[in-house]
PDB file of N, CA and C in Angstrom:
ATOM      1  N   UNK A   1     128.981 115.654  58.535  1.00  0.00           N
ATOM      2  CA  UNK A   1     130.377 115.152  58.635  1.00  0.00           C
ATOM      3  C   UNK A   1     131.353 116.197  58.152  1.00  0.00           C
ATOM      4  N   UNK A   2     130.974 116.918  57.083  1.00  0.00           N
ATOM      5  CA  UNK A   2     131.873 117.908  56.512  1.00  0.00           C
ATOM      6  C   UNK A   2     132.205 119.044  57.561  1.00  0.00           C
ATOM      7  N   UNK A   3     131.217 119.365  58.341  1.00  0.00           N
ATOM      8  CA  UNK A   3     131.502 120.421  59.374  1.00  0.00           C
ATOM      9  C   UNK A   3     132.434 119.964  60.404  1.00  0.00           C
ATOM     10  N   UNK A   4     132.315 118.722  60.794  1.00  0.00           N
ATOM     11  CA  UNK A   4     133.201 118.103  61.780  1.00  0.00           C
ATOM     12  C   UNK A   4     134.624 118.017  61.222  1.00  0.00           C
ATOM     13  N   UNK A   5     134.709 117.566  59.977  1.00  0.00           N
ATOM     14  CA  UNK A   5     136.104 117.581  59.352  1.00  0.00           C
ATOM     15  C   UNK A   5     136.696 118.885  59.272  1.00  0.00           C
ATOM     16  N   UNK A   6     135.856 119.905  58.944  1.00  0.00           N
ATOM     17  CA  UNK A   6     136.382 121.279  58.891  1.00  0.00           C
ATOM     18  C   UNK A   6     136.858 121.800  60.243  1.00  0.00           C
ATOM     19  N   UNK A   7     136.072 121.442  61.249  1.00  0.00           N
ATOM     20  CA  UNK A   7     136.462 121.865  62.666  1.00  0.00           C
ATOM     21  C   UNK A   7     137.788 121.286  63.050  1.00  0.00           C
ATOM     22  N   UNK A   8     138.005 120.009  62.735  1.00  0.00           N
ATOM     23  CA  UNK A   8     139.310 119.357  63.089  1.00  0.00           C
ATOM     24  C   UNK A   8     140.428 119.832  62.255  1.00  0.00           C
ATOM     25  N   UNK A   9     140.072 120.189  60.978  1.00  0.00           N
ATOM     26  CA  UNK A   9     141.144 120.797  60.141  1.00  0.00           C
ATOM     27  C   UNK A   9     141.660 122.106  60.717  1.00  0.00           C
ATOM     28  N   UNK A  10     140.661 122.942  61.125  1.00  0.00           N
ATOM     29  CA  UNK A  10     141.077 124.208  61.772  1.00  0.00           C
ATOM     30  C   UNK A  10     141.884 123.963  63.056  1.00  0.00           C
ATOM     31  N   UNK A  11     141.516 122.989  63.800  1.00  0.00           N
ATOM     32  CA  UNK A  11     142.255 122.673  65.040  1.00  0.00           C
ATOM     33  C   UNK A  11     143.645 122.144  64.676  1.00  0.00           C
ATOM     34  N   UNK A  12     143.723 121.424  63.625  1.00  0.00           N
ATOM     35  CA  UNK A  12     145.064 120.967  63.090  1.00  0.00           C
ATOM     36  C   UNK A  12     145.916 122.115  62.741  1.00  0.00           C
ATOM     37  N   UNK A  13     145.378 123.126  62.073  1.00  0.00           N
ATOM     38  CA  UNK A  13     146.109 124.362  61.780  1.00  0.00           C
ATOM     39  C   UNK A  13     146.558 125.097  63.025  1.00  0.00           C
ATOM     40  N   UNK A  14     145.664 125.146  63.986  1.00  0.00           N
ATOM     41  CA  UNK A  14     145.984 125.754  65.238  1.00  0.00           C
ATOM     42  C   UNK A  14     147.191 125.052  65.921  1.00  0.00           C
ATOM     43  N   UNK A  15     147.210 123.732  65.794  1.00  0.00           N
ATOM     44  CA  UNK A  15     148.385 123.021  66.346  1.00  0.00           C
ATOM     45  C   UNK A  15     149.656 123.405  65.677  1.00  0.00           C
ATOM     46  N   UNK A  16     149.560 123.600  64.333  1.00  0.00           N
ATOM     47  CA  UNK A  16     150.809 124.074  63.568  1.00  0.00           C
ATOM     48  C   UNK A  16     151.179 125.419  64.055  1.00  0.00           C
ATOM     49  N   UNK A  17     150.209 126.313  64.201  1.00  0.00           N
ATOM     50  CA  UNK A  17     150.551 127.682  64.602  1.00  0.00           C
ATOM     51  C   UNK A  17     151.110 127.706  65.986  1.00  0.00           C
ATOM     52  N   UNK A  18     150.585 126.893  66.899  1.00  0.00           N
ATOM     53  CA  UNK A  18     151.089 126.832  68.282  1.00  0.00           C
ATOM     54  C   UNK A  18     152.589 126.337  68.310  1.00  0.00           C
ATOM     55  N   UNK A  19     152.842 125.315  67.505  1.00  0.00           N
ATOM     56  CA  UNK A  19     154.192 124.761  67.420  1.00  0.00           C
ATOM     57  C   UNK A  19     155.182 125.786  66.866  1.00  0.00           C
ATOM     58  N   UNK A  20     154.738 126.439  65.770  1.00  0.00           N
ATOM     59  CA  UNK A  20     155.675 127.469  65.145  1.00  0.00           C
ATOM     60  C   UNK A  20     155.704 128.733  66.100  1.00  0.00           C
ATOM     61  N   UNK A  21     154.659 129.025  66.694  1.00  0.00           N
ATOM     62  CA  UNK A  21     154.691 130.157  67.680  1.00  0.00           C
ATOM     63  C   UNK A  21     155.645 129.913  68.794  1.00  0.00           C
ATOM     64  N   UNK A  22     155.695 128.713  69.292  1.00  0.00           N
ATOM     65  CA  UNK A  22     156.672 128.348  70.355  1.00  0.00           C
ATOM     66  C   UNK A  22     158.089 128.446  69.878  1.00  0.00           C
ATOM     67  N   UNK A  23     158.279 128.113  68.621  1.00  0.00           N
ATOM     68  CA  UNK A  23     159.644 128.302  68.018  1.00  0.00           C
ATOM     69  C   UNK A  23     159.958 129.774  67.914  1.00  0.00           C
ATOM     70  N   UNK A  24     159.011 130.591  67.440  1.00  0.00           N
ATOM     71  CA  UNK A  24     159.310 132.067  67.255  1.00  0.00           C
ATOM     72  C   UNK A  24     159.537 132.731  68.561  1.00  0.00           C
ATOM     73  N   UNK A  25     159.006 132.262  69.652  1.00  0.00           N
ATOM     74  CA  UNK A  25     159.257 132.867  70.926  1.00  0.00           C
ATOM     75  C   UNK A  25     160.754 132.600  71.421  1.00  0.00           C
ATOM     76  N   UNK A  26     161.369 131.632  70.803  1.00  0.00           N
ATOM     77  CA  UNK A  26     162.723 131.248  71.219  1.00  0.00           C
ATOM     78  C   UNK A  26     163.792 131.681  70.212  1.00  0.00           C
ATOM     79  N   UNK A  27     163.411 132.360  69.157  1.00  0.00           N
ATOM     80  CA  UNK A  27     164.390 132.725  68.131  1.00  0.00           C
ATOM     81  C   UNK A  27     165.501 133.632  68.676  1.00  0.00           C
ATOM     82  N   UNK A  28     165.138 134.562  69.504  1.00  0.00           N
ATOM     83  CA  UNK A  28     166.142 135.477  70.138  1.00  0.00           C
ATOM     84  C   UNK A  28     167.110 134.693  70.997  1.00  0.00           C
ATOM     85  N   UNK A  29     166.540 133.767  71.793  1.00  0.00           N
ATOM     86  CA  UNK A  29     167.366 132.901  72.615  1.00  0.00           C
ATOM     87  C   UNK A  29     168.231 131.959  71.801  1.00  0.00           C
ATOM     88  N   UNK A  30     167.783 131.502  70.636  1.00  0.00           N
ATOM     89  CA  UNK A  30     168.489 130.682  69.768  1.00  0.00           C
ATOM     90  C   UNK A  30     169.700 131.335  69.291  1.00  0.00           C
ATOM     91  N   UNK A  31     169.589 132.674  68.937  1.00  0.00           N
ATOM     92  CA  UNK A  31     170.733 133.425  68.455  1.00  0.00           C
ATOM     93  C   UNK A  31     171.773 133.618  69.583  1.00  0.00           C
ATOM     94  N   UNK A  32     171.332 133.579  70.785  1.00  0.00           N
ATOM     95  CA  UNK A  32     172.210 133.713  71.985  1.00  0.00           C
ATOM     96  C   UNK A  32     172.755 132.346  72.471  1.00  0.00           C
ATOM     97  N   UNK A  33     172.229 131.254  71.835  1.00  0.00           N
ATOM     98  CA  UNK A  33     172.670 129.916  72.179  1.00  0.00           C
ATOM     99  C   UNK A  33     172.005 129.359  73.483  1.00  0.00           C
ATOM    100  N   UNK A  34     170.858 129.960  73.818  1.00  0.00           N
ATOM    101  CA  UNK A  34     170.138 129.471  75.051  1.00  0.00           C
ATOM    102  C   UNK A  34     168.732 128.957  74.736  1.00  0.00           C
ATOM    103  N   UNK A  35     168.490 128.613  73.503  1.00  0.00           N
ATOM    104  CA  UNK A  35     167.130 128.174  73.101  1.00  0.00           C
ATOM    105  C   UNK A  35     166.800 126.828  73.717  1.00  0.00           C
ATOM    106  N   UNK A  36     165.504 126.640  73.986  1.00  0.00           N
ATOM    107  CA  UNK A  36     165.030 125.354  74.512  1.00  0.00           C
ATOM    108  C   UNK A  36     163.645 125.072  73.952  1.00  0.00           C
ATOM    109  N   UNK A  37     163.252 123.830  73.924  1.00  0.00           N
ATOM    110  CA  UNK A  37     161.903 123.460  73.436  1.00  0.00           C
ATOM    111  C   UNK A  37     160.926 123.806  74.565  1.00  0.00           C
ATOM    112  N   UNK A  38     159.936 124.639  74.282  1.00  0.00           N
ATOM    113  CA  UNK A  38     158.988 125.018  75.297  1.00  0.00           C
ATOM    114  C   UNK A  38     157.827 124.023  75.353  1.00  0.00           C
ATOM    115  N   UNK A  39     157.062 124.016  76.463  1.00  0.00           N
ATOM    116  CA  UNK A  39     155.962 123.156  76.568  1.00  0.00           C
ATOM    117  C   UNK A  39     154.865 123.464  75.474  1.00  0.00           C
ATOM    118  N   UNK A  40     154.848 124.703  75.034  1.00  0.00           N
ATOM    119  CA  UNK A  40     153.956 125.161  73.993  1.00  0.00           C
ATOM    120  C   UNK A  40     154.244 124.389  72.711  1.00  0.00           C
ATOM    121  N   UNK A  41     155.476 124.157  72.367  1.00  0.00           N
ATOM    122  CA  UNK A  41     155.832 123.444  71.173  1.00  0.00           C
ATOM    123  C   UNK A  41     155.430 121.985  71.300  1.00  0.00           C
ATOM    124  N   UNK A  42     155.495 121.373  72.454  1.00  0.00           N
ATOM    125  CA  UNK A  42     155.128 119.982  72.634  1.00  0.00           C
ATOM    126  C   UNK A  42     153.579 119.906  72.512  1.00  0.00           C
ATOM    127  N   UNK A  43     152.886 120.831  73.079  1.00  0.00           N
ATOM    128  CA  UNK A  43     151.428 120.859  72.951  1.00  0.00           C
ATOM    129  C   UNK A  43     150.937 121.034  71.544  1.00  0.00           C
ATOM    130  N   UNK A  44     151.625 121.872  70.767  1.00  0.00           N
ATOM    131  CA  UNK A  44     151.331 122.042  69.367  1.00  0.00           C
ATOM    132  C   UNK A  44     151.531 120.761  68.577  1.00  0.00           C
ATOM    133  N   UNK A  45     152.655 120.106  68.847  1.00  0.00           N
ATOM    134  CA  UNK A  45     152.936 118.852  68.117  1.00  0.00           C
ATOM    135  C   UNK A  45     151.885 117.796  68.474  1.00  0.00           C
ATOM    136  N   UNK A  46     151.597 117.720  69.724  1.00  0.00           N
ATOM    137  CA  UNK A  46     150.538 116.713  70.198  1.00  0.00           C
ATOM    138  C   UNK A  46     149.174 116.974  69.585  1.00  0.00           C
ATOM    139  N   UNK A  47     148.823 118.330  69.450  1.00  0.00           N
ATOM    140  CA  UNK A  47     147.608 118.708  68.819  1.00  0.00           C
ATOM    141  C   UNK A  47     147.559 118.331  67.372  1.00  0.00           C
ATOM    142  N   UNK A  48     148.754 118.532  66.708  1.00  0.00           N
ATOM    143  CA  UNK A  48     148.780 118.147  65.321  1.00  0.00           C
ATOM    144  C   UNK A  48     148.587 116.591  65.166  1.00  0.00           C
ATOM    145  N   UNK A  49     149.222 115.781  66.104  1.00  0.00           N
ATOM    146  CA  UNK A  49     149.072 114.369  65.996  1.00  0.00           C
ATOM    147  C   UNK A  49     147.606 113.966  66.255  1.00  0.00           C
ATOM    148  N   UNK A  50     147.053 114.479  67.271  1.00  0.00           N
ATOM    149  CA  UNK A  50     145.645 114.104  67.642  1.00  0.00           C
ATOM    150  C   UNK A  50     144.641 114.453  66.575  1.00  0.00           C
ATOM    151  N   UNK A  51     144.711 115.706  66.117  1.00  0.00           N
ATOM    152  CA  UNK A  51     143.758 116.142  65.146  1.00  0.00           C
ATOM    153  C   UNK A  51     144.022 115.471  63.737  1.00  0.00           C
ATOM    154  N   UNK A  52     145.266 115.175  63.465  1.00  0.00           N
ATOM    155  CA  UNK A  52     145.601 114.474  62.231  1.00  0.00           C
ATOM    156  C   UNK A  52     145.044 113.065  62.239  1.00  0.00           C
ATOM    157  N   UNK A  53     145.149 112.317  63.324  1.00  0.00           N
ATOM    158  CA  UNK A  53     144.576 111.018  63.412  1.00  0.00           C
ATOM    159  C   UNK A  53     143.025 111.075  63.259  1.00  0.00           C
ATOM    160  N   UNK A  54     142.449 112.096  63.975  1.00  0.00           N
ATOM    161  CA  UNK A  54     141.013 112.214  63.865  1.00  0.00           C
ATOM    162  C   UNK A  54     140.540 112.592  62.440  1.00  0.00           C
ATOM    163  N   UNK A  55     141.348 113.432  61.729  1.00  0.00           N
ATOM    164  CA  UNK A  55     141.007 113.777  60.360  1.00  0.00           C
ATOM    165  C   UNK A  55     141.026 112.552  59.462  1.00  0.00           C
ATOM    166  N   UNK A  56     142.062 111.654  59.682  1.00  0.00           N
ATOM    167  CA  UNK A  56     142.124 110.516  58.863  1.00  0.00           C
ATOM    168  C   UNK A  56     140.873 109.574  59.130  1.00  0.00           C
ATOM    169  N   UNK A  57     140.567 109.391  60.472  1.00  0.00           N
ATOM    170  CA  UNK A  57     139.409 108.583  60.839  1.00  0.00           C
ATOM    171  C   UNK A  57     138.112 109.137  60.264  1.00  0.00           C
ATOM    172  N   UNK A  58     137.942 110.451  60.314  1.00  0.00           N
ATOM    173  CA  UNK A  58     136.681 111.016  59.910  1.00  0.00           C
ATOM    174  C   UNK A  58     136.595 110.925  58.314  1.00  0.00           C
ATOM    175  N   UNK A  59     137.665 111.181  57.684  1.00  0.00           N
ATOM    176  CA  UNK A  59     137.635 111.018  56.262  1.00  0.00           C
ATOM    177  C   UNK A  59     137.432 109.658  55.760  1.00  0.00           C
ATOM    178  N   UNK A  60     138.023 108.656  56.518  1.00  0.00           N
ATOM    179  CA  UNK A  60     137.763 107.228  56.151  1.00  0.00           C
ATOM    180  C   UNK A  60     136.251 106.891  56.416  1.00  0.00           C
ATOM    181  N   UNK A  61     135.740 107.374  57.543  1.00  0.00           N
ATOM    182  CA  UNK A  61     134.302 107.092  57.848  1.00  0.00           C
ATOM    183  C   UNK A  61     133.376 107.742  56.817  1.00  0.00           C
ATOM    184  N   UNK A  62     133.818 108.793  56.249  1.00  0.00           N
ATOM    185  CA  UNK A  62     133.059 109.501  55.161  1.00  0.00           C
ATOM    186  C   UNK A  62     133.300 108.953  53.738  1.00  0.00           C
ATOM    187  N   UNK A  63     133.922 107.804  53.750  1.00  0.00           N
ATOM    188  CA  UNK A  63     134.247 107.114  52.484  1.00  0.00           C
ATOM    189  C   UNK A  63     135.036 107.997  51.445  1.00  0.00           C
ATOM    190  N   UNK A  64     135.839 108.809  52.034  1.00  0.00           N
ATOM    191  CA  UNK A  64     136.859 109.667  51.225  1.00  0.00           C
ATOM    192  C   UNK A  64     138.059 108.721  50.766  1.00  0.00           C
ATOM    193  N   UNK A  65     138.550 109.044  49.578  1.00  0.00           N
ATOM    194  CA  UNK A  65     139.746 108.355  49.135  1.00  0.00           C
ATOM    195  C   UNK A  65     141.007 108.988  49.873  1.00  0.00           C
ATOM    196  N   UNK A  66     141.808 108.065  50.430  1.00  0.00           N
ATOM    197  CA  UNK A  66     142.948 108.529  51.195  1.00  0.00           C
ATOM    198  C   UNK A  66     144.232 107.920  50.565  1.00  0.00           C
ATOM    199  N   UNK A  67     145.331 108.722  50.564  1.00  0.00           N
ATOM    200  CA  UNK A  67     146.612 108.307  50.043  1.00  0.00           C
ATOM    201  C   UNK A  67     147.373 107.778  51.256  1.00  0.00           C
ATOM    202  N   UNK A  68     147.389 106.484  51.468  1.00  0.00           N
ATOM    203  CA  UNK A  68     148.033 105.917  52.670  1.00  0.00           C
ATOM    204  C   UNK A  68     149.545 106.176  52.732  1.00  0.00           C
ATOM    205  N   UNK A  69     150.168 106.228  51.608  1.00  0.00           N
ATOM    206  CA  UNK A  69     151.556 106.444  51.600  1.00  0.00           C
ATOM    207  C   UNK A  69     151.931 107.873  52.076  1.00  0.00           C
ATOM    208  N   UNK A  70     151.167 108.763  51.509  1.00  0.00           N
ATOM    209  CA  UNK A  70     151.314 110.196  51.888  1.00  0.00           C
ATOM    210  C   UNK A  70     151.049 110.410  53.336  1.00  0.00           C
ATOM    211  N   UNK A  71     150.010 109.749  53.903  1.00  0.00           N
ATOM    212  CA  UNK A  71     149.724 109.862  55.302  1.00  0.00           C
ATOM    213  C   UNK A  71     150.800 109.261  56.206  1.00  0.00           C
ATOM    214  N   UNK A  72     151.403 108.142  55.752  1.00  0.00           N
ATOM    215  CA  UNK A  72     152.437 107.491  56.486  1.00  0.00           C
ATOM    216  C   UNK A  72     153.701 108.372  56.494  1.00  0.00           C
ATOM    217  N   UNK A  73     153.992 108.980  55.412  1.00  0.00           N
ATOM    218  CA  UNK A  73     155.181 109.889  55.356  1.00  0.00           C
ATOM    219  C   UNK A  73     154.949 111.124  56.249  1.00  0.00           C
ATOM    220  N   UNK A  74     153.734 111.681  56.237  1.00  0.00           N
ATOM    221  CA  UNK A  74     153.404 112.802  57.078  1.00  0.00           C
ATOM    222  C   UNK A  74     153.500 112.416  58.597  1.00  0.00           C
ATOM    223  N   UNK A  75     152.999 111.239  58.871  1.00  0.00           N
ATOM    224  CA  UNK A  75     153.012 110.693  60.277  1.00  0.00           C
ATOM    225  C   UNK A  75     154.496 110.499  60.710  1.00  0.00           C
ATOM    226  N   UNK A  76     155.334 109.927  59.784  1.00  0.00           N
ATOM    227  CA  UNK A  76     156.739 109.733  60.139  1.00  0.00           C
ATOM    228  C   UNK A  76     157.459 111.083  60.426  1.00  0.00           C
ATOM    229  N   UNK A  77     157.207 112.129  59.629  1.00  0.00           N
ATOM    230  CA  UNK A  77     157.796 113.441  59.836  1.00  0.00           C
ATOM    231  C   UNK A  77     157.285 113.963  61.134  1.00  0.00           C
ATOM    232  N   UNK A  78     156.048 113.766  61.500  1.00  0.00           N
ATOM    233  CA  UNK A  78     155.509 114.344  62.756  1.00  0.00           C
ATOM    234  C   UNK A  78     156.076 113.573  63.912  1.00  0.00           C
ATOM    235  N   UNK A  79     156.295 112.317  63.801  1.00  0.00           N
ATOM    236  CA  UNK A  79     156.919 111.480  64.864  1.00  0.00           C
ATOM    237  C   UNK A  79     158.311 112.000  65.114  1.00  0.00           C
ATOM    238  N   UNK A  80     159.089 112.341  64.097  1.00  0.00           N
ATOM    239  CA  UNK A  80     160.412 112.928  64.284  1.00  0.00           C
ATOM    240  C   UNK A  80     160.298 114.209  65.044  1.00  0.00           C
ATOM    241  N   UNK A  81     159.320 115.047  64.673  1.00  0.00           N
ATOM    242  CA  UNK A  81     159.183 116.380  65.355  1.00  0.00           C
ATOM    243  C   UNK A  81     158.819 116.077  66.833  1.00  0.00           C
ATOM    244  N   UNK A  82     157.924 115.248  67.088  1.00  0.00           N
ATOM    245  CA  UNK A  82     157.516 114.914  68.497  1.00  0.00           C
ATOM    246  C   UNK A  82     158.689 114.380  69.199  1.00  0.00           C
ATOM    247  N   UNK A  83     159.437 113.484  68.607  1.00  0.00           N
ATOM    248  CA  UNK A  83     160.633 112.874  69.245  1.00  0.00           C
ATOM    249  C   UNK A  83     161.619 113.954  69.699  1.00  0.00           C
ATOM    250  N   UNK A  84     161.939 114.846  68.768  1.00  0.00           N
ATOM    251  CA  UNK A  84     162.884 115.970  69.076  1.00  0.00           C
ATOM    252  C   UNK A  84     162.401 116.761  70.233  1.00  0.00           C
ATOM    253  N   UNK A  85     161.134 117.197  70.136  1.00  0.00           N
ATOM    254  CA  UNK A  85     160.655 118.110  71.126  1.00  0.00           C
ATOM    255  C   UNK A  85     160.499 117.406  72.489  1.00  0.00           C
ATOM    256  N   UNK A  86     159.989 116.137  72.489  1.00  0.00           N
ATOM    257  CA  UNK A  86     159.765 115.419  73.759  1.00  0.00           C
ATOM    258  C   UNK A  86     161.063 115.046  74.452  1.00  0.00           C
ATOM    259  N   UNK A  87     162.020 114.548  73.670  1.00  0.00           N
ATOM    260  CA  UNK A  87     163.267 114.127  74.334  1.00  0.00           C
ATOM    261  C   UNK A  87     164.145 115.293  74.814  1.00  0.00           C
ATOM    262  N   UNK A  88     164.078 116.412  74.099  1.00  0.00           N
ATOM    263  CA  UNK A  88     164.952 117.517  74.432  1.00  0.00           C
ATOM    264  C   UNK A  88     164.209 118.569  75.255  1.00  0.00           C
ATOM    265  N   UNK A  89     163.005 118.276  75.734  1.00  0.00           N
ATOM    266  CA  UNK A  89     162.220 119.377  76.336  1.00  0.00           C
ATOM    267  C   UNK A  89     162.735 119.794  77.681  1.00  0.00           C
ATOM    268  N   UNK A  90     163.480 118.951  78.391  1.00  0.00           N
ATOM    269  CA  UNK A  90     163.978 119.348  79.770  1.00  0.00           C
ATOM    270  C   UNK A  90     165.453 119.837  79.709  1.00  0.00           C
ATOM    271  N   UNK A  91     166.034 119.921  78.535  1.00  0.00           N
ATOM    272  CA  UNK A  91     167.410 120.360  78.471  1.00  0.00           C
ATOM    273  C   UNK A  91     167.365 121.922  78.546  1.00  0.00           C
ATOM    274  N   UNK A  92     168.354 122.423  79.253  1.00  0.00           N
ATOM    275  CA  UNK A  92     168.500 123.906  79.447  1.00  0.00           C
ATOM    276  C   UNK A  92     168.805 124.514  78.095  1.00  0.00           C
ATOM    277  N   UNK A  93     169.681 123.873  77.248  1.00  0.00           N
ATOM    278  CA  UNK A  93     169.997 124.428  75.964  1.00  0.00           C
ATOM    279  C   UNK A  93     169.874 123.359  74.864  1.00  0.00           C
ATOM    280  N   UNK A  94     169.279 123.724  73.747  1.00  0.00           N
ATOM    281  CA  UNK A  94     169.242 122.814  72.655  1.00  0.00           C
ATOM    282  C   UNK A  94     170.136 123.315  71.481  1.00  0.00           C
ATOM    283  N   UNK A  95     170.784 122.382  70.857  1.00  0.00           N
ATOM    284  CA  UNK A  95     171.696 122.774  69.765  1.00  0.00           C
ATOM    285  C   UNK A  95     170.873 123.509  68.732  1.00  0.00           C
ATOM    286  N   UNK A  96     171.454 124.523  68.103  1.00  0.00           N
ATOM    287  CA  UNK A  96     170.811 125.377  67.129  1.00  0.00           C
ATOM    288  C   UNK A  96     170.288 124.591  65.960  1.00  0.00           C
ATOM    289  N   UNK A  97     171.021 123.582  65.500  1.00  0.00           N
ATOM    290  CA  UNK A  97     170.646 122.795  64.333  1.00  0.00           C
ATOM    291  C   UNK A  97     169.403 121.950  64.648  1.00  0.00           C
ATOM    292  N   UNK A  98     169.445 121.357  65.841  1.00  0.00           N
ATOM    293  CA  UNK A  98     168.257 120.562  66.234  1.00  0.00           C
ATOM    294  C   UNK A  98     166.991 121.466  66.434  1.00  0.00           C
ATOM    295  N   UNK A  99     167.259 122.680  67.022  1.00  0.00           N
ATOM    296  CA  UNK A  99     166.092 123.570  67.251  1.00  0.00           C
ATOM    297  C   UNK A  99     165.559 124.040  65.954  1.00  0.00           C
ATOM    298  N   UNK A 100     166.410 124.307  64.973  1.00  0.00           N
ATOM    299  CA  UNK A 100     165.996 124.781  63.653  1.00  0.00           C
ATOM    300  C   UNK A 100     165.354 123.676  62.784  1.00  0.00           C
ATOM    301  N   UNK A 101     165.625 122.428  63.178  1.00  0.00           N
ATOM    302  CA  UNK A 101     165.061 121.307  62.355  1.00  0.00           C
ATOM    303  C   UNK A 101     163.580 121.244  62.560  1.00  0.00           C
ATOM    304  N   UNK A 102     163.036 121.589  63.720  1.00  0.00           N
ATOM    305  CA  UNK A 102     161.587 121.546  63.943  1.00  0.00           C
ATOM    306  C   UNK A 102     160.759 122.333  62.956  1.00  0.00           C
ATOM    307  N   UNK A 103     160.973 123.661  62.850  1.00  0.00           N
ATOM    308  CA  UNK A 103     160.176 124.370  61.890  1.00  0.00           C
ATOM    309  C   UNK A 103     160.437 123.905  60.423  1.00  0.00           C
ATOM    310  N   UNK A 104     161.653 123.481  60.170  1.00  0.00           N
ATOM    311  CA  UNK A 104     161.939 122.991  58.797  1.00  0.00           C
ATOM    312  C   UNK A 104     161.102 121.716  58.536  1.00  0.00           C
ATOM    313  N   UNK A 105     161.002 120.817  59.489  1.00  0.00           N
ATOM    314  CA  UNK A 105     160.179 119.615  59.331  1.00  0.00           C
ATOM    315  C   UNK A 105     158.684 119.965  59.298  1.00  0.00           C
ATOM    316  N   UNK A 106     158.284 120.951  59.981  1.00  0.00           N
ATOM    317  CA  UNK A 106     156.833 121.407  59.921  1.00  0.00           C
ATOM    318  C   UNK A 106     156.564 121.890  58.472  1.00  0.00           C
ATOM    319  N   UNK A 107     157.483 122.664  57.909  1.00  0.00           N
ATOM    320  CA  UNK A 107     157.291 123.200  56.548  1.00  0.00           C
ATOM    321  C   UNK A 107     157.315 121.979  55.552  1.00  0.00           C
ATOM    322  N   UNK A 108     158.136 121.030  55.801  1.00  0.00           N
ATOM    323  CA  UNK A 108     158.170 119.768  54.946  1.00  0.00           C
ATOM    324  C   UNK A 108     156.780 119.080  54.982  1.00  0.00           C
ATOM    325  N   UNK A 109     156.241 118.989  56.184  1.00  0.00           N
ATOM    326  CA  UNK A 109     154.934 118.388  56.351  1.00  0.00           C
ATOM    327  C   UNK A 109     153.862 119.164  55.709  1.00  0.00           C
ATOM    328  N   UNK A 110     153.884 120.453  55.705  1.00  0.00           N
ATOM    329  CA  UNK A 110     152.944 121.348  55.034  1.00  0.00           C
ATOM    330  C   UNK A 110     153.076 121.111  53.534  1.00  0.00           C
ATOM    331  N   UNK A 111     154.299 121.088  53.005  1.00  0.00           N
ATOM    332  CA  UNK A 111     154.498 120.923  51.626  1.00  0.00           C
ATOM    333  C   UNK A 111     154.019 119.549  51.085  1.00  0.00           C
ATOM    334  N   UNK A 112     154.246 118.541  51.964  1.00  0.00           N
ATOM    335  CA  UNK A 112     153.702 117.124  51.617  1.00  0.00           C
ATOM    336  C   UNK A 112     152.220 117.250  51.533  1.00  0.00           C
ATOM    337  N   UNK A 113     151.574 117.894  52.482  1.00  0.00           N
ATOM    338  CA  UNK A 113     150.131 117.954  52.494  1.00  0.00           C
ATOM    339  C   UNK A 113     149.522 118.640  51.361  1.00  0.00           C
ATOM    340  N   UNK A 114     150.267 119.705  50.864  1.00  0.00           N
ATOM    341  CA  UNK A 114     149.604 120.497  49.836  1.00  0.00           C
ATOM    342  C   UNK A 114     150.109 120.163  48.425  1.00  0.00           C
ATOM    343  N   UNK A 115     151.265 119.702  48.291  1.00  0.00           N
ATOM    344  CA  UNK A 115     151.851 119.408  46.890  1.00  0.00           C
ATOM    345  C   UNK A 115     151.741 117.984  46.432  1.00  0.00           C
ATOM    346  N   UNK A 116     151.675 117.038  47.405  1.00  0.00           N
ATOM    347  CA  UNK A 116     151.624 115.626  47.001  1.00  0.00           C
ATOM    348  C   UNK A 116     150.141 115.375  46.688  1.00  0.00           C
ATOM    349  N   UNK A 117     149.895 115.011  45.453  1.00  0.00           N
ATOM    350  CA  UNK A 117     148.496 114.741  45.011  1.00  0.00           C
ATOM    351  C   UNK A 117     148.265 113.247  44.813  1.00  0.00           C
TER     352      UNK A 117
END
């Protein structure tokens, strides 16, 4: 079970990297005011959601102690990220503040995961 949890944890990290990588590909466009949410960013966010749910299920099946409040907050932050990326994905231009909110929320999610004990 530990190997399976580790595999999905790595895939969860890959989802984070894909989401942030999609953001980084648009930084130059953001400075010009033409940034948009790429399909890569949506796929990264969906990967984070899917692997996160699987990680919770696998840890629960392995009788690990889980902090439900922490997981609920992380899920809420991820739902906001997914909502922003999904709703604005077809727009030609995305406001700089909204576009910059996504990596900020990803960092918040990472900080919650690592610092909330």
